[in-house]
Amino acid sequence: MHAQLTDWLRPRLRQRIDVEQMAAACALSVRTLHRQLRQAAGLSPAQLLLRLRMEAACGLLERPGMTVKRAASQSGFGSEYNLRRAFAAQLGVVPSDYQARFG
């Protein structure tokens, strides 16, 4: 189920996605999705989505010529502000510092 949800989410990271859509994609109730994902991966559906978006953003920022604004849009964060908040909370750095180090 974890792999199925991950495979469904990856091409949709730029879209607004709610837990009801995730549950429907796995043919599960919201409650069952939460329970099974917690057991399989130790994550909530929202945490999994955030993790996948962070992975996508990091990969994008490592590309030459990529802007923080484009990385935010293409990874599903929507704005530089949202991306900066996520980076600060998850990695303890701002996207431009990450990009300077790994880009």
Protein backbone atom coordinates (compact mmCIF):
# COMPACT_ATOMS: atom_id res chain seq x y z
CA MET A 1 0.00 0.00 0.00
CA HIS A 2 2.87 2.41 0.82
CA ALA A 3 4.49 1.81 -2.57
CA GLN A 4 1.13 2.07 -4.34
CA LEU A 5 0.41 5.43 -2.72
CA THR A 6 3.92 6.71 -3.40
CA ASP A 7 3.62 5.71 -7.06
CA TRP A 8 0.27 7.51 -7.27
CA LEU A 9 1.53 10.66 -5.53
CA ARG A 10 4.81 11.24 -7.40
CA PRO A 11 3.33 12.37 -10.74
CA ARG A 12 0.77 14.52 -8.88
CA LEU A 13 3.03 16.46 -6.51
CA ARG A 14 2.21 19.78 -8.20
CA GLN A 15 -1.51 19.30 -7.55
CA ARG A 16 -3.52 20.00 -4.41
CA ILE A 17 -3.98 16.58 -2.86
CA ASP A 18 -6.05 15.73 0.18
CA VAL A 19 -6.22 12.58 2.25
CA GLU A 20 -9.57 11.62 0.73
CA GLN A 21 -7.98 11.52 -2.73
CA MET A 22 -5.08 9.45 -1.38
CA ALA A 23 -7.45 6.99 0.26
CA ALA A 24 -9.53 6.68 -2.92
CA ALA A 25 -6.38 6.02 -4.96
CA CYS A 26 -5.65 3.07 -2.67
CA ALA A 27 -9.30 1.97 -2.50
CA LEU A 28 -9.25 2.42 1.27
CA SER A 29 -11.14 4.49 3.78
CA VAL A 30 -9.30 7.49 5.20
CA ARG A 31 -9.05 5.79 8.57
CA THR A 32 -7.66 2.57 7.10
CA LEU A 33 -5.15 4.53 5.01
CA HIS A 34 -3.90 6.33 8.11
CA ARG A 35 -3.61 3.10 10.07
CA GLN A 36 -1.90 1.09 7.34
CA LEU A 37 0.53 3.86 6.43
CA ARG A 38 1.46 4.36 10.10
CA GLN A 39 2.12 0.63 10.41
CA ALA A 40 4.07 0.34 7.15
CA ALA A 41 6.08 3.56 7.17
CA GLY A 42 5.51 5.31 10.48
CA LEU A 43 4.04 8.29 8.63
CA SER A 44 0.69 9.96 8.17
CA PRO A 45 -0.50 10.56 4.61
CA ALA A 46 0.35 14.27 4.97
CA GLN A 47 3.85 13.43 6.20
CA LEU A 48 4.40 11.11 3.23
CA LEU A 49 3.28 13.81 0.82
CA LEU A 50 5.60 16.34 2.48
CA ARG A 51 8.51 13.89 2.32
CA LEU A 52 7.95 13.26 -1.39
CA ARG A 53 7.70 16.99 -2.11
CA MET A 54 10.88 17.63 -0.14
CA GLU A 55 12.72 14.92 -2.09
CA ALA A 56 11.49 16.44 -5.35
CA ALA A 57 12.50 19.97 -4.29
CA CYS A 58 15.96 18.83 -3.22
CA GLY A 59 16.49 17.07 -6.53
CA LEU A 60 15.36 20.13 -8.45
CA LEU A 61 17.58 22.49 -6.45
CA GLU A 62 20.58 20.31 -7.23
CA ARG A 63 20.11 20.97 -10.96
CA PRO A 64 22.20 23.73 -12.54
CA GLY A 65 20.18 26.82 -13.36
CA MET A 66 17.16 25.89 -11.28
CA THR A 67 15.59 28.78 -9.40
CA VAL A 68 14.05 28.45 -5.96
CA LYS A 69 10.78 29.77 -7.35
CA ARG A 70 10.63 27.12 -10.10
CA ALA A 71 11.64 24.38 -7.68
CA ALA A 72 8.84 25.44 -5.33
CA SER A 73 6.29 25.34 -8.13
CA GLN A 74 7.46 22.06 -9.69
CA SER A 75 7.67 20.19 -6.38
CA GLY A 76 4.18 21.17 -5.27
CA PHE A 77 4.95 23.78 -2.62
CA GLY A 78 3.41 26.48 -4.76
CA SER A 79 5.47 29.39 -3.50
CA GLU A 80 8.97 30.21 -2.34
CA TYR A 81 7.54 31.07 1.07
CA ASN A 82 6.04 27.59 1.50
CA LEU A 83 9.25 25.97 0.31
CA ARG A 84 11.36 28.06 2.71
CA ARG A 85 9.10 27.12 5.62
CA ALA A 86 9.29 23.42 4.76
CA PHE A 87 13.07 23.51 4.34
CA ALA A 88 13.54 25.35 7.63
CA ALA A 89 11.32 22.88 9.48
CA GLN A 90 12.62 19.70 7.82
CA LEU A 91 16.28 20.46 7.09
CA GLY A 92 17.11 23.51 9.18
CA VAL A 93 18.33 25.51 6.17
CA VAL A 94 16.78 27.77 3.57
CA PRO A 95 16.51 26.50 -0.03
CA SER A 96 19.13 28.92 -1.35
CA ASP A 97 21.68 27.64 1.17
CA TYR A 98 20.84 24.05 0.21
CA GLN A 99 21.23 24.95 -3.45
CA ALA A 100 24.56 26.69 -2.85
CA ARG A 101 25.90 23.62 -1.11
CA PHE A 102 24.52 20.86 -3.34
CA GLY A 103 23.64 22.60 -6.62
